[in-house]
Amino acid sequence: MWGSFLLWRKMTGSRRLAVKAGADLVFALLLGAQAVLLLVWLANLLGMPRPEVLALRAVLGRAGRLEHVSQILTCRSVAGPSLSL
């Protein structure tokens, strides 16, 4: 996680616009990958059976979709009704 933060800081300090623009995206992807690895490690450590892991995965997937919907609704309220999906 620390390495992701250091990379993000380095990228946001760049003079190139494309590197600055990609900094947040790269940081989010790296944190997401680390979160997945943490969950896999915890499932192994706790000896969770496959059905429990699948149920947890489904719940987290729904939570991710709800976050995506809230972001879309926020964009609509800011941009007005002319924004189409």
C-alpha atoms as a PDB file:
ATOM      1  CA  MET A   1       0.000   0.000   0.000  1.00  0.00           C
ATOM      2  CA  TRP A   2       2.834   2.370   0.824  1.00  0.00           C
ATOM      3  CA  GLY A   3       4.409   1.743  -2.561  1.00  0.00           C
ATOM      4  CA  SER A   4       1.120   2.626  -4.265  1.00  0.00           C
ATOM      5  CA  PHE A   5       0.985   5.896  -2.379  1.00  0.00           C
ATOM      6  CA  LEU A   6       4.580   6.755  -3.248  1.00  0.00           C
ATOM      7  CA  LEU A   7       3.928   6.002  -6.915  1.00  0.00           C
ATOM      8  CA  TRP A   8       0.795   8.155  -6.853  1.00  0.00           C
ATOM      9  CA  ARG A   9       2.722  11.044  -5.278  1.00  0.00           C
ATOM     10  CA  LYS A  10       5.470  10.722  -7.861  1.00  0.00           C
ATOM     11  CA  MET A  11       2.960  10.638 -10.732  1.00  0.00           C
ATOM     12  CA  THR A  12       1.012  13.679  -9.505  1.00  0.00           C
ATOM     13  CA  GLY A  13       4.274  15.611  -9.324  1.00  0.00           C
ATOM     14  CA  SER A  14       5.071  14.946 -12.978  1.00  0.00           C
ATOM     15  CA  ARG A  15       5.130  17.736 -15.555  1.00  0.00           C
ATOM     16  CA  ARG A  16       3.346  15.577 -18.117  1.00  0.00           C
ATOM     17  CA  LEU A  17      -0.425  16.007 -18.180  1.00  0.00           C
ATOM     18  CA  ALA A  18      -1.111  12.384 -19.193  1.00  0.00           C
ATOM     19  CA  VAL A  19       0.902  11.076 -16.245  1.00  0.00           C
ATOM     20  CA  LYS A  20      -0.924  13.386 -13.830  1.00  0.00           C
ATOM     21  CA  ALA A  21      -4.270  12.342 -15.285  1.00  0.00           C
ATOM     22  CA  GLY A  22      -3.454   8.649 -14.928  1.00  0.00           C
ATOM     23  CA  ALA A  23      -2.192   8.942 -11.348  1.00  0.00           C
ATOM     24  CA  ASP A  24      -5.574   8.517  -9.680  1.00  0.00           C
ATOM     25  CA  LEU A  25      -6.557   5.658 -11.969  1.00  0.00           C
ATOM     26  CA  VAL A  26      -3.317   3.771 -11.339  1.00  0.00           C
ATOM     27  CA  PHE A  27      -3.619   4.365  -7.597  1.00  0.00           C
ATOM     28  CA  ALA A  28      -7.205   3.033  -7.544  1.00  0.00           C
ATOM     29  CA  LEU A  29      -6.233  -0.062  -9.529  1.00  0.00           C
ATOM     30  CA  LEU A  30      -3.283  -0.814  -7.266  1.00  0.00           C
ATOM     31  CA  LEU A  31      -5.372  -0.394  -4.118  1.00  0.00           C
ATOM     32  CA  GLY A  32      -8.104  -2.594  -5.583  1.00  0.00           C
ATOM     33  CA  ALA A  33      -5.604  -5.338  -6.387  1.00  0.00           C
ATOM     34  CA  GLN A  34      -4.211  -5.146  -2.873  1.00  0.00           C
ATOM     35  CA  ALA A  35      -7.711  -5.358  -1.394  1.00  0.00           C
ATOM     36  CA  VAL A  36      -8.446  -8.486  -3.438  1.00  0.00           C
ATOM     37  CA  LEU A  37      -5.198 -10.095  -2.328  1.00  0.00           C
ATOM     38  CA  LEU A  38      -5.985  -9.237   1.288  1.00  0.00           C
ATOM     39  CA  LEU A  39      -9.419 -10.861   1.018  1.00  0.00           C
ATOM     40  CA  VAL A  40      -7.956 -13.995  -0.578  1.00  0.00           C
ATOM     41  CA  TRP A  41      -5.344 -14.211   2.155  1.00  0.00           C
ATOM     42  CA  LEU A  42      -7.984 -13.781   4.876  1.00  0.00           C
ATOM     43  CA  ALA A  43     -10.211 -16.432   3.313  1.00  0.00           C
ATOM     44  CA  ASN A  44      -7.270 -18.845   3.302  1.00  0.00           C
ATOM     45  CA  LEU A  45      -6.249 -17.922   6.832  1.00  0.00           C
ATOM     46  CA  LEU A  46      -9.773 -18.383   8.192  1.00  0.00           C
ATOM     47  CA  GLY A  47     -10.321 -21.569   6.187  1.00  0.00           C
ATOM     48  CA  MET A  48     -13.539 -20.267   4.674  1.00  0.00           C
ATOM     49  CA  PRO A  49     -15.425 -22.838   2.597  1.00  0.00           C
ATOM     50  CA  ARG A  50     -16.112 -22.067  -1.051  1.00  0.00           C
ATOM     51  CA  PRO A  51     -19.838 -21.177  -0.592  1.00  0.00           C
ATOM     52  CA  GLU A  52     -18.960 -18.546   2.016  1.00  0.00           C
ATOM     53  CA  VAL A  53     -16.326 -17.022  -0.239  1.00  0.00           C
ATOM     54  CA  LEU A  54     -18.817 -16.898  -3.120  1.00  0.00           C
ATOM     55  CA  ALA A  55     -21.429 -15.250  -0.882  1.00  0.00           C
ATOM     56  CA  LEU A  56     -18.912 -12.649   0.297  1.00  0.00           C
ATOM     57  CA  ARG A  57     -17.879 -12.011  -3.283  1.00  0.00           C
ATOM     58  CA  ALA A  58     -21.512 -11.479  -4.308  1.00  0.00           C
ATOM     59  CA  VAL A  59     -22.114  -9.017  -1.462  1.00  0.00           C
ATOM     60  CA  LEU A  60     -18.982  -7.041  -2.309  1.00  0.00           C
ATOM     61  CA  GLY A  61     -19.958  -7.026  -5.990  1.00  0.00           C
ATOM     62  CA  ARG A  62     -23.363  -5.580  -5.137  1.00  0.00           C
ATOM     63  CA  ALA A  63     -21.742  -2.952  -2.939  1.00  0.00           C
ATOM     64  CA  GLY A  64     -19.476  -1.970  -5.837  1.00  0.00           C
ATOM     65  CA  ARG A  65     -22.434  -1.648  -8.187  1.00  0.00           C
ATOM     66  CA  LEU A  66     -24.295   0.510  -5.651  1.00  0.00           C
ATOM     67  CA  GLU A  67     -21.280   2.808  -5.420  1.00  0.00           C
ATOM     68  CA  HIS A  68     -21.193   3.060  -9.212  1.00  0.00           C
ATOM     69  CA  VAL A  69     -24.910   3.945  -9.319  1.00  0.00           C
ATOM     70  CA  SER A  70     -24.468   6.635  -6.662  1.00  0.00           C
ATOM     71  CA  GLN A  71     -21.637   8.176  -8.691  1.00  0.00           C
ATOM     72  CA  ILE A  72     -23.844   8.225 -11.793  1.00  0.00           C
ATOM     73  CA  LEU A  73     -26.672   9.868  -9.870  1.00  0.00           C
ATOM     74  CA  THR A  74     -24.274  12.458  -8.469  1.00  0.00           C
ATOM     75  CA  CYS A  75     -23.037  13.247 -11.979  1.00  0.00           C
ATOM     76  CA  ARG A  76     -26.622  13.615 -13.189  1.00  0.00           C
ATOM     77  CA  SER A  77     -27.544  16.014 -10.393  1.00  0.00           C
ATOM     78  CA  VAL A  78     -24.458  18.144 -11.098  1.00  0.00           C
ATOM     79  CA  ALA A  79     -24.688  18.068 -14.904  1.00  0.00           C
ATOM     80  CA  GLY A  80     -28.464  18.358 -15.073  1.00  0.00           C
ATOM     81  CA  PRO A  81     -31.029  16.258 -16.903  1.00  0.00           C
ATOM     82  CA  SER A  82     -29.275  16.539 -20.268  1.00  0.00           C
ATOM     83  CA  LEU A  83     -26.657  13.925 -19.289  1.00  0.00           C
ATOM     84  CA  SER A  84     -27.445  10.595 -20.930  1.00  0.00           C
ATOM     85  CA  LEU A  85     -26.124   7.218 -19.882  1.00  0.00           C
END
